[in-house]
Amino acid sequence: MAKSVAKQLPLKLRSGHKTDVRAQFAALCWRVKNDKVQICLITSRTRKRWIIPKGWPMHKQTPANAAATEAFEEAGLSGEAIDFCLGVFSYSKPQKVGNAPIITMVYPLHVTHVHADWPEKGQRRRKWMSPAKAAKKIKEPELKRIVAAFKPRKIGR
């Protein structure tokens, strides 16, 4: 019997305070090349660490579609956004005064198009690598585990 995945609904956003725990949505961008799964990592804008595209919720978009929008803006990648959360990781985002706690939900994006030009091209690098190599480059322990364990066939398709 085929496994069914619940369809996500678009979000209706309300305002909060900058010190509240906030949510972000991230795209685990993947493709198959030469029969091997590859993950795309990008560099952060300021500290140049290897990360995955992520950003804030977007009004009237599903979490997976918001993650896909970030993948295009930050990495120049587009494809099939899948409404299945692979896992969650947390980090602290530096603010003008202190740090803000962030919880980030990760959604797979099956990349079908790699754009030559994109909004943040001059601010970041992107690189394709195996899930194992990508996991070694990532700092956040929970994200490292999500990336290392990623298998496209396990996402309810």
N, C-alpha and C. Protein backbone atom coordinates (compact mmCIF):
# COMPACT_ATOMS: atom_id res chain seq x y z
N MET A 1 0.84 -1.18 0.00
CA MET A 1 0.00 0.00 0.00
C MET A 1 0.89 1.24 0.00
N ALA A 2 0.58 2.19 -0.86
CA ALA A 2 1.38 3.42 -0.97
C ALA A 2 1.18 4.31 0.25
N LYS A 3 2.24 4.92 0.67
CA LYS A 3 2.22 5.84 1.81
C LYS A 3 1.71 7.20 1.32
N SER A 4 0.75 7.79 2.02
CA SER A 4 0.28 9.11 1.60
C SER A 4 0.84 10.17 2.54
N VAL A 5 1.09 11.32 1.97
CA VAL A 5 1.64 12.44 2.73
C VAL A 5 0.58 13.52 2.76
N ALA A 6 0.31 14.06 3.94
CA ALA A 6 -0.69 15.11 4.08
C ALA A 6 -0.26 16.35 3.30
N LYS A 7 -1.21 16.96 2.62
CA LYS A 7 -0.94 18.18 1.85
C LYS A 7 -0.84 19.36 2.80
N GLN A 8 0.20 20.18 2.62
CA GLN A 8 0.37 21.37 3.45
C GLN A 8 -0.56 22.48 2.98
N LEU A 9 -0.96 23.30 3.93
CA LEU A 9 -1.78 24.47 3.61
C LEU A 9 -0.91 25.72 3.68
N PRO A 10 -1.26 26.75 2.91
CA PRO A 10 -0.52 28.01 3.02
C PRO A 10 -0.65 28.59 4.42
N LEU A 11 0.38 29.31 4.85
CA LEU A 11 0.40 29.89 6.19
C LEU A 11 -0.28 31.26 6.23
N LYS A 12 -0.90 31.57 7.36
CA LYS A 12 -1.39 32.91 7.65
C LYS A 12 -0.53 33.41 8.79
N LEU A 13 0.25 34.44 8.54
CA LEU A 13 1.24 34.90 9.51
C LEU A 13 0.68 35.96 10.45
N ARG A 14 1.21 35.95 11.67
CA ARG A 14 0.90 37.00 12.64
C ARG A 14 2.23 37.54 13.13
N SER A 15 2.22 38.72 13.68
CA SER A 15 3.48 39.33 14.10
C SER A 15 3.94 38.78 15.45
N GLY A 16 5.22 38.90 15.72
CA GLY A 16 5.81 38.46 16.98
C GLY A 16 6.93 39.41 17.35
N HIS A 17 7.62 39.07 18.42
CA HIS A 17 8.74 39.89 18.88
C HIS A 17 10.06 39.29 18.42
N LYS A 18 11.07 40.12 18.21
CA LYS A 18 12.36 39.65 17.71
C LYS A 18 13.04 38.67 18.66
N THR A 19 12.70 38.70 19.94
CA THR A 19 13.33 37.78 20.90
C THR A 19 12.56 36.47 21.07
N ASP A 20 11.39 36.34 20.43
CA ASP A 20 10.61 35.10 20.49
C ASP A 20 11.36 34.00 19.73
N VAL A 21 11.07 32.74 20.07
CA VAL A 21 11.57 31.64 19.26
C VAL A 21 10.86 31.78 17.91
N ARG A 22 11.65 31.76 16.84
CA ARG A 22 11.09 31.97 15.51
C ARG A 22 11.34 30.75 14.64
N ALA A 23 10.51 30.61 13.62
CA ALA A 23 10.61 29.47 12.70
C ALA A 23 11.17 29.92 11.36
N GLN A 24 11.97 29.05 10.76
CA GLN A 24 12.43 29.23 9.40
C GLN A 24 12.19 27.93 8.64
N PHE A 25 12.18 28.03 7.32
CA PHE A 25 12.04 26.86 6.46
C PHE A 25 13.27 26.77 5.57
N ALA A 26 13.83 25.57 5.46
CA ALA A 26 15.05 25.36 4.69
C ALA A 26 14.81 24.33 3.58
N ALA A 27 15.59 24.46 2.52
CA ALA A 27 15.50 23.53 1.39
C ALA A 27 16.74 22.65 1.36
N LEU A 28 16.53 21.34 1.43
CA LEU A 28 17.62 20.40 1.19
C LEU A 28 17.57 20.11 -0.31
N CYS A 29 18.42 20.80 -1.06
CA CYS A 29 18.42 20.73 -2.52
C CYS A 29 19.22 19.52 -2.98
N TRP A 30 18.57 18.67 -3.77
CA TRP A 30 19.24 17.44 -4.20
C TRP A 30 18.96 17.15 -5.67
N ARG A 31 19.86 16.37 -6.24
CA ARG A 31 19.71 15.88 -7.61
C ARG A 31 20.43 14.55 -7.70
N VAL A 32 20.21 13.84 -8.81
CA VAL A 32 20.94 12.61 -9.09
C VAL A 32 21.79 12.87 -10.32
N LYS A 33 23.10 12.66 -10.19
CA LYS A 33 24.03 12.84 -11.30
C LYS A 33 24.95 11.63 -11.34
N ASN A 34 25.08 11.02 -12.50
CA ASN A 34 25.88 9.79 -12.66
C ASN A 34 25.44 8.73 -11.65
N ASP A 35 24.13 8.57 -11.48
CA ASP A 35 23.52 7.58 -10.58
C ASP A 35 23.85 7.80 -9.11
N LYS A 36 24.31 8.98 -8.73
CA LYS A 36 24.63 9.28 -7.33
C LYS A 36 23.85 10.51 -6.87
N VAL A 37 23.35 10.44 -5.64
CA VAL A 37 22.65 11.59 -5.06
C VAL A 37 23.67 12.66 -4.70
N GLN A 38 23.35 13.90 -5.05
CA GLN A 38 24.18 15.04 -4.69
C GLN A 38 23.32 16.06 -3.94
N ILE A 39 23.94 16.72 -2.97
CA ILE A 39 23.32 17.77 -2.18
C ILE A 39 24.03 19.08 -2.52
N CYS A 40 23.28 20.15 -2.61
CA CYS A 40 23.89 21.46 -2.86
C CYS A 40 23.98 22.23 -1.55
N LEU A 41 25.18 22.66 -1.21
CA LEU A 41 25.39 23.57 -0.09
C LEU A 41 25.76 24.93 -0.64
N ILE A 42 25.45 25.96 0.16
CA ILE A 42 25.84 27.33 -0.18
C ILE A 42 26.59 27.91 1.00
N THR A 43 27.30 28.99 0.75
CA THR A 43 27.99 29.67 1.85
C THR A 43 27.05 30.72 2.45
N SER A 44 27.20 30.93 3.75
CA SER A 44 26.46 32.02 4.40
C SER A 44 27.06 33.34 3.91
N ARG A 45 26.29 34.40 3.98
CA ARG A 45 26.76 35.69 3.46
C ARG A 45 27.89 36.30 4.28
N THR A 46 27.80 36.19 5.60
CA THR A 46 28.79 36.89 6.43
C THR A 46 30.00 36.04 6.79
N ARG A 47 29.76 34.87 7.38
CA ARG A 47 30.89 34.07 7.87
C ARG A 47 31.38 33.01 6.89
N LYS A 48 30.69 32.89 5.75
CA LYS A 48 31.09 31.95 4.68
C LYS A 48 31.11 30.49 5.12
N ARG A 49 30.25 30.14 6.10
CA ARG A 49 30.10 28.74 6.51
C ARG A 49 29.22 28.03 5.48
N TRP A 50 29.34 26.70 5.37
CA TRP A 50 28.50 25.92 4.47
C TRP A 50 27.15 25.67 5.15
N ILE A 51 26.07 26.03 4.45
CA ILE A 51 24.70 25.90 4.96
C ILE A 51 23.79 25.45 3.82
N ILE A 52 22.50 25.29 4.14
CA ILE A 52 21.50 25.07 3.09
C ILE A 52 20.63 26.33 3.02
N PRO A 53 19.98 26.58 1.88
CA PRO A 53 19.13 27.77 1.78
C PRO A 53 18.00 27.72 2.82
N LYS A 54 17.77 28.85 3.46
CA LYS A 54 16.70 28.92 4.47
C LYS A 54 16.23 30.34 4.61
N GLY A 55 15.00 30.48 5.12
CA GLY A 55 14.46 31.81 5.31
C GLY A 55 13.17 31.78 6.11
N TRP A 56 12.58 32.95 6.24
CA TRP A 56 11.39 33.13 7.06
C TRP A 56 10.14 32.62 6.36
N PRO A 57 9.11 32.30 7.15
CA PRO A 57 7.82 31.93 6.54
C PRO A 57 7.32 33.06 5.63
N MET A 58 6.57 32.67 4.62
CA MET A 58 6.03 33.65 3.67
C MET A 58 4.51 33.54 3.66
N HIS A 59 3.86 34.69 3.74
CA HIS A 59 2.41 34.75 3.77
C HIS A 59 1.80 34.04 2.55
N LYS A 60 0.85 33.17 2.80
CA LYS A 60 0.11 32.42 1.78
C LYS A 60 0.98 31.45 0.98
N GLN A 61 2.10 31.02 1.55
CA GLN A 61 2.91 29.96 0.93
C GLN A 61 3.03 28.81 1.92
N THR A 62 3.12 27.60 1.40
CA THR A 62 3.36 26.46 2.27
C THR A 62 4.82 26.53 2.73
N PRO A 63 5.14 25.83 3.83
CA PRO A 63 6.55 25.78 4.25
C PRO A 63 7.48 25.28 3.14
N ALA A 64 7.08 24.22 2.42
CA ALA A 64 7.93 23.68 1.34
C ALA A 64 8.12 24.70 0.22
N ASN A 65 7.07 25.42 -0.13
CA ASN A 65 7.19 26.43 -1.19
C ASN A 65 8.03 27.62 -0.75
N ALA A 66 7.93 28.01 0.53
CA ALA A 66 8.79 29.08 1.05
C ALA A 66 10.25 28.65 0.98
N ALA A 67 10.53 27.39 1.32
CA ALA A 67 11.90 26.86 1.23
C ALA A 67 12.38 26.88 -0.21
N ALA A 68 11.50 26.53 -1.15
CA ALA A 68 11.86 26.53 -2.57
C ALA A 68 12.18 27.95 -3.05
N THR A 69 11.44 28.94 -2.57
CA THR A 69 11.71 30.34 -2.93
C THR A 69 13.11 30.73 -2.45
N GLU A 70 13.46 30.32 -1.22
CA GLU A 70 14.80 30.61 -0.69
C GLU A 70 15.88 29.91 -1.51
N ALA A 71 15.60 28.70 -1.97
CA ALA A 71 16.58 27.96 -2.79
C ALA A 71 16.89 28.71 -4.07
N PHE A 72 15.85 29.31 -4.68
CA PHE A 72 16.12 30.10 -5.88
C PHE A 72 16.90 31.37 -5.54
N GLU A 73 16.43 32.11 -4.53
CA GLU A 73 17.07 33.39 -4.21
C GLU A 73 18.52 33.24 -3.75
N GLU A 74 18.79 32.22 -2.93
CA GLU A 74 20.12 32.07 -2.33
C GLU A 74 21.06 31.18 -3.13
N ALA A 75 20.51 30.22 -3.90
CA ALA A 75 21.36 29.25 -4.59
C ALA A 75 21.12 29.16 -6.09
N GLY A 76 20.07 29.80 -6.60
CA GLY A 76 19.80 29.72 -8.03
C GLY A 76 19.30 28.35 -8.46
N LEU A 77 18.54 27.69 -7.58
CA LEU A 77 18.04 26.35 -7.87
C LEU A 77 16.52 26.34 -7.86
N SER A 78 15.93 25.59 -8.79
CA SER A 78 14.48 25.42 -8.78
C SER A 78 14.16 23.97 -9.10
N GLY A 79 12.95 23.57 -8.70
CA GLY A 79 12.55 22.19 -8.93
C GLY A 79 11.28 21.86 -8.19
N GLU A 80 11.15 20.60 -7.82
CA GLU A 80 9.95 20.10 -7.16
C GLU A 80 10.09 20.20 -5.64
N ALA A 81 9.29 21.10 -5.04
CA ALA A 81 9.26 21.24 -3.59
C ALA A 81 8.35 20.15 -3.03
N ILE A 82 8.83 19.41 -2.06
CA ILE A 82 8.08 18.28 -1.52
C ILE A 82 7.59 18.61 -0.12
N ASP A 83 6.27 18.48 0.09
CA ASP A 83 5.63 18.81 1.37
C ASP A 83 5.85 17.73 2.41
N PHE A 84 7.10 17.52 2.77
CA PHE A 84 7.46 16.49 3.75
C PHE A 84 8.65 17.00 4.54
N CYS A 85 8.46 17.26 5.82
CA CYS A 85 9.55 17.76 6.65
C CYS A 85 10.52 16.63 6.98
N LEU A 86 11.78 16.80 6.57
CA LEU A 86 12.80 15.78 6.81
C LEU A 86 13.30 15.79 8.25
N GLY A 87 13.15 16.91 8.92
CA GLY A 87 13.63 17.06 10.29
C GLY A 87 13.74 18.52 10.65
N VAL A 88 14.20 18.76 11.86
CA VAL A 88 14.26 20.12 12.42
C VAL A 88 15.64 20.32 13.03
N PHE A 89 16.19 21.53 12.86
CA PHE A 89 17.42 21.87 13.56
C PHE A 89 17.26 23.26 14.17
N SER A 90 18.08 23.55 15.15
CA SER A 90 18.00 24.85 15.82
C SER A 90 19.36 25.54 15.79
N TYR A 91 19.31 26.86 15.88
CA TYR A 91 20.54 27.65 15.97
C TYR A 91 20.18 29.01 16.56
N SER A 92 21.19 29.77 16.93
CA SER A 92 20.99 31.12 17.43
C SER A 92 21.43 32.11 16.37
N LYS A 93 20.55 33.04 16.05
CA LYS A 93 20.86 34.05 15.04
C LYS A 93 21.28 35.33 15.75
N PRO A 94 22.49 35.81 15.49
CA PRO A 94 22.94 37.05 16.13
C PRO A 94 22.04 38.22 15.76
N GLN A 95 21.68 39.02 16.77
CA GLN A 95 20.87 40.23 16.59
C GLN A 95 21.69 41.42 17.08
N LYS A 96 21.17 42.61 16.90
CA LYS A 96 21.87 43.80 17.40
C LYS A 96 22.08 43.71 18.91
N VAL A 97 21.11 43.15 19.60
CA VAL A 97 21.22 42.95 21.06
C VAL A 97 20.97 41.47 21.32
N GLY A 98 22.01 40.68 21.60
CA GLY A 98 21.86 39.26 21.91
C GLY A 98 21.63 38.38 20.70
N ASN A 99 21.10 37.19 20.95
CA ASN A 99 20.82 36.21 19.91
C ASN A 99 19.35 35.83 19.92
N ALA A 100 18.82 35.50 18.75
CA ALA A 100 17.43 35.05 18.64
C ALA A 100 17.43 33.54 18.41
N PRO A 101 16.65 32.78 19.18
CA PRO A 101 16.58 31.33 18.96
C PRO A 101 15.73 31.02 17.72
N ILE A 102 16.27 30.19 16.84
CA ILE A 102 15.59 29.84 15.58
C ILE A 102 15.41 28.33 15.50
N ILE A 103 14.20 27.90 15.15
CA ILE A 103 13.90 26.50 14.86
C ILE A 103 13.67 26.42 13.36
N THR A 104 14.39 25.54 12.67
CA THR A 104 14.32 25.47 11.22
C THR A 104 13.85 24.08 10.77
N MET A 105 12.78 24.06 9.97
CA MET A 105 12.25 22.83 9.40
C MET A 105 12.82 22.65 8.00
N VAL A 106 13.27 21.43 7.69
CA VAL A 106 13.96 21.15 6.43
C VAL A 106 13.05 20.38 5.48
N TYR A 107 12.92 20.91 4.26
CA TYR A 107 12.09 20.29 3.22
C TYR A 107 12.94 19.94 2.01
N PRO A 108 12.72 18.77 1.42
CA PRO A 108 13.49 18.40 0.24
C PRO A 108 13.03 19.16 -1.00
N LEU A 109 13.99 19.54 -1.82
CA LEU A 109 13.71 20.16 -3.11
C LEU A 109 14.46 19.37 -4.17
N HIS A 110 13.71 18.64 -5.00
CA HIS A 110 14.32 17.89 -6.09
C HIS A 110 14.65 18.89 -7.20
N VAL A 111 15.91 19.19 -7.37
CA VAL A 111 16.36 20.23 -8.30
C VAL A 111 16.24 19.73 -9.74
N THR A 112 15.52 20.54 -10.54
CA THR A 112 15.39 20.23 -11.96
C THR A 112 16.05 21.29 -12.84
N HIS A 113 16.37 22.44 -12.24
CA HIS A 113 17.03 23.50 -13.02
C HIS A 113 18.04 24.25 -12.16
N VAL A 114 19.25 24.36 -12.67
CA VAL A 114 20.32 25.13 -12.02
C VAL A 114 20.50 26.41 -12.84
N HIS A 115 20.14 27.55 -12.26
CA HIS A 115 20.18 28.83 -12.97
C HIS A 115 21.60 29.39 -12.99
N ALA A 116 21.95 30.05 -14.07
CA ALA A 116 23.26 30.69 -14.19
C ALA A 116 23.29 32.02 -13.44
N ASP A 117 22.13 32.62 -13.26
CA ASP A 117 22.05 33.90 -12.57
C ASP A 117 20.92 33.83 -11.55
N TRP A 118 21.10 34.44 -10.38
CA TRP A 118 20.07 34.44 -9.33
C TRP A 118 20.32 35.63 -8.41
N PRO A 119 19.32 35.99 -7.58
CA PRO A 119 19.43 37.23 -6.79
C PRO A 119 20.67 37.36 -5.90
N GLU A 120 21.11 36.30 -5.24
CA GLU A 120 22.24 36.42 -4.31
C GLU A 120 23.55 35.80 -4.85
N LYS A 121 23.65 35.71 -6.17
CA LYS A 121 24.82 35.08 -6.79
C LYS A 121 26.13 35.70 -6.35
N GLY A 122 26.20 37.02 -6.26
CA GLY A 122 27.44 37.69 -5.89
C GLY A 122 27.78 37.61 -4.41
N GLN A 123 26.87 37.07 -3.59
CA GLN A 123 27.06 37.04 -2.15
C GLN A 123 27.38 35.64 -1.60
N ARG A 124 27.21 34.62 -2.43
CA ARG A 124 27.36 33.23 -1.95
C ARG A 124 28.04 32.36 -2.99
N ARG A 125 28.59 31.24 -2.52
CA ARG A 125 29.07 30.17 -3.41
C ARG A 125 28.11 29.01 -3.27
N ARG A 126 27.96 28.22 -4.31
CA ARG A 126 27.19 26.98 -4.21
C ARG A 126 28.08 25.83 -4.68
N LYS A 127 27.87 24.67 -4.07
CA LYS A 127 28.69 23.52 -4.43
C LYS A 127 27.88 22.25 -4.25
N TRP A 128 27.98 21.34 -5.23
CA TRP A 128 27.32 20.04 -5.17
C TRP A 128 28.28 19.01 -4.61
N MET A 129 27.78 18.14 -3.74
CA MET A 129 28.62 17.09 -3.14
C MET A 129 27.76 15.94 -2.65
N SER A 130 28.38 14.86 -2.28
CA SER A 130 27.65 13.71 -1.74
C SER A 130 27.04 14.09 -0.39
N PRO A 131 25.96 13.40 0.03
CA PRO A 131 25.40 13.68 1.35
C PRO A 131 26.44 13.53 2.47
N ALA A 132 27.31 12.52 2.39
CA ALA A 132 28.32 12.31 3.44
C ALA A 132 29.30 13.49 3.50
N LYS A 133 29.76 13.95 2.35
CA LYS A 133 30.70 15.08 2.32
C LYS A 133 30.00 16.36 2.78
N ALA A 134 28.75 16.55 2.36
CA ALA A 134 28.00 17.74 2.77
C ALA A 134 27.82 17.76 4.29
N ALA A 135 27.48 16.61 4.86
CA ALA A 135 27.28 16.54 6.31
C ALA A 135 28.55 16.92 7.06
N LYS A 136 29.71 16.54 6.55
CA LYS A 136 30.97 16.88 7.21
C LYS A 136 31.25 18.38 7.21
N LYS A 137 30.71 19.11 6.23
CA LYS A 137 30.97 20.54 6.12
C LYS A 137 30.01 21.39 6.95
N ILE A 138 28.92 20.79 7.43
CA ILE A 138 27.89 21.52 8.16
C ILE A 138 28.20 21.56 9.65
N LYS A 139 27.98 22.72 10.27
CA LYS A 139 28.28 22.92 11.68
C LYS A 139 27.19 22.40 12.62
N GLU A 140 25.91 22.68 12.31
CA GLU A 140 24.80 22.34 13.20
C GLU A 140 24.61 20.83 13.28
N PRO A 141 24.71 20.23 14.49
CA PRO A 141 24.64 18.76 14.63
C PRO A 141 23.35 18.14 14.10
N GLU A 142 22.20 18.78 14.35
CA GLU A 142 20.94 18.20 13.89
C GLU A 142 20.86 18.22 12.36
N LEU A 143 21.29 19.32 11.74
CA LEU A 143 21.28 19.41 10.28
C LEU A 143 22.27 18.43 9.69
N LYS A 144 23.41 18.28 10.33
CA LYS A 144 24.42 17.31 9.88
C LYS A 144 23.80 15.91 9.78
N ARG A 145 23.02 15.52 10.81
CA ARG A 145 22.36 14.20 10.81
C ARG A 145 21.30 14.08 9.72
N ILE A 146 20.51 15.15 9.52
CA ILE A 146 19.47 15.13 8.47
C ILE A 146 20.12 14.92 7.10
N VAL A 147 21.18 15.65 6.83
CA VAL A 147 21.85 15.56 5.53
C VAL A 147 22.51 14.20 5.35
N ALA A 148 23.20 13.71 6.37
CA ALA A 148 23.90 12.42 6.27
C ALA A 148 22.92 11.26 6.04
N ALA A 149 21.72 11.37 6.61
CA ALA A 149 20.73 10.28 6.51
C ALA A 149 19.83 10.42 5.28
N PHE A 150 19.96 11.48 4.50
CA PHE A 150 19.03 11.73 3.41
C PHE A 150 19.08 10.65 2.34
N LYS A 151 17.91 10.12 2.02
CA LYS A 151 17.73 9.15 0.94
C LYS A 151 16.45 9.56 0.20
N PRO A 152 16.52 9.92 -1.07
CA PRO A 152 15.34 10.39 -1.79
C PRO A 152 14.16 9.41 -1.72
N ARG A 153 14.41 8.13 -1.73
CA ARG A 153 13.31 7.16 -1.74
C ARG A 153 12.55 7.10 -0.42
N LYS A 154 13.04 7.76 0.64
CA LYS A 154 12.40 7.72 1.94
C LYS A 154 11.48 8.91 2.19
N ILE A 155 11.17 9.70 1.19
CA ILE A 155 10.41 10.92 1.46
C ILE A 155 8.95 10.81 1.04
N GLY A 156 8.39 9.63 1.11
CA GLY A 156 6.98 9.45 0.89
C GLY A 156 6.53 9.57 -0.55
N ARG A 157 7.42 9.27 -1.48
CA ARG A 157 7.08 9.39 -2.90
C ARG A 157 6.66 8.05 -3.45
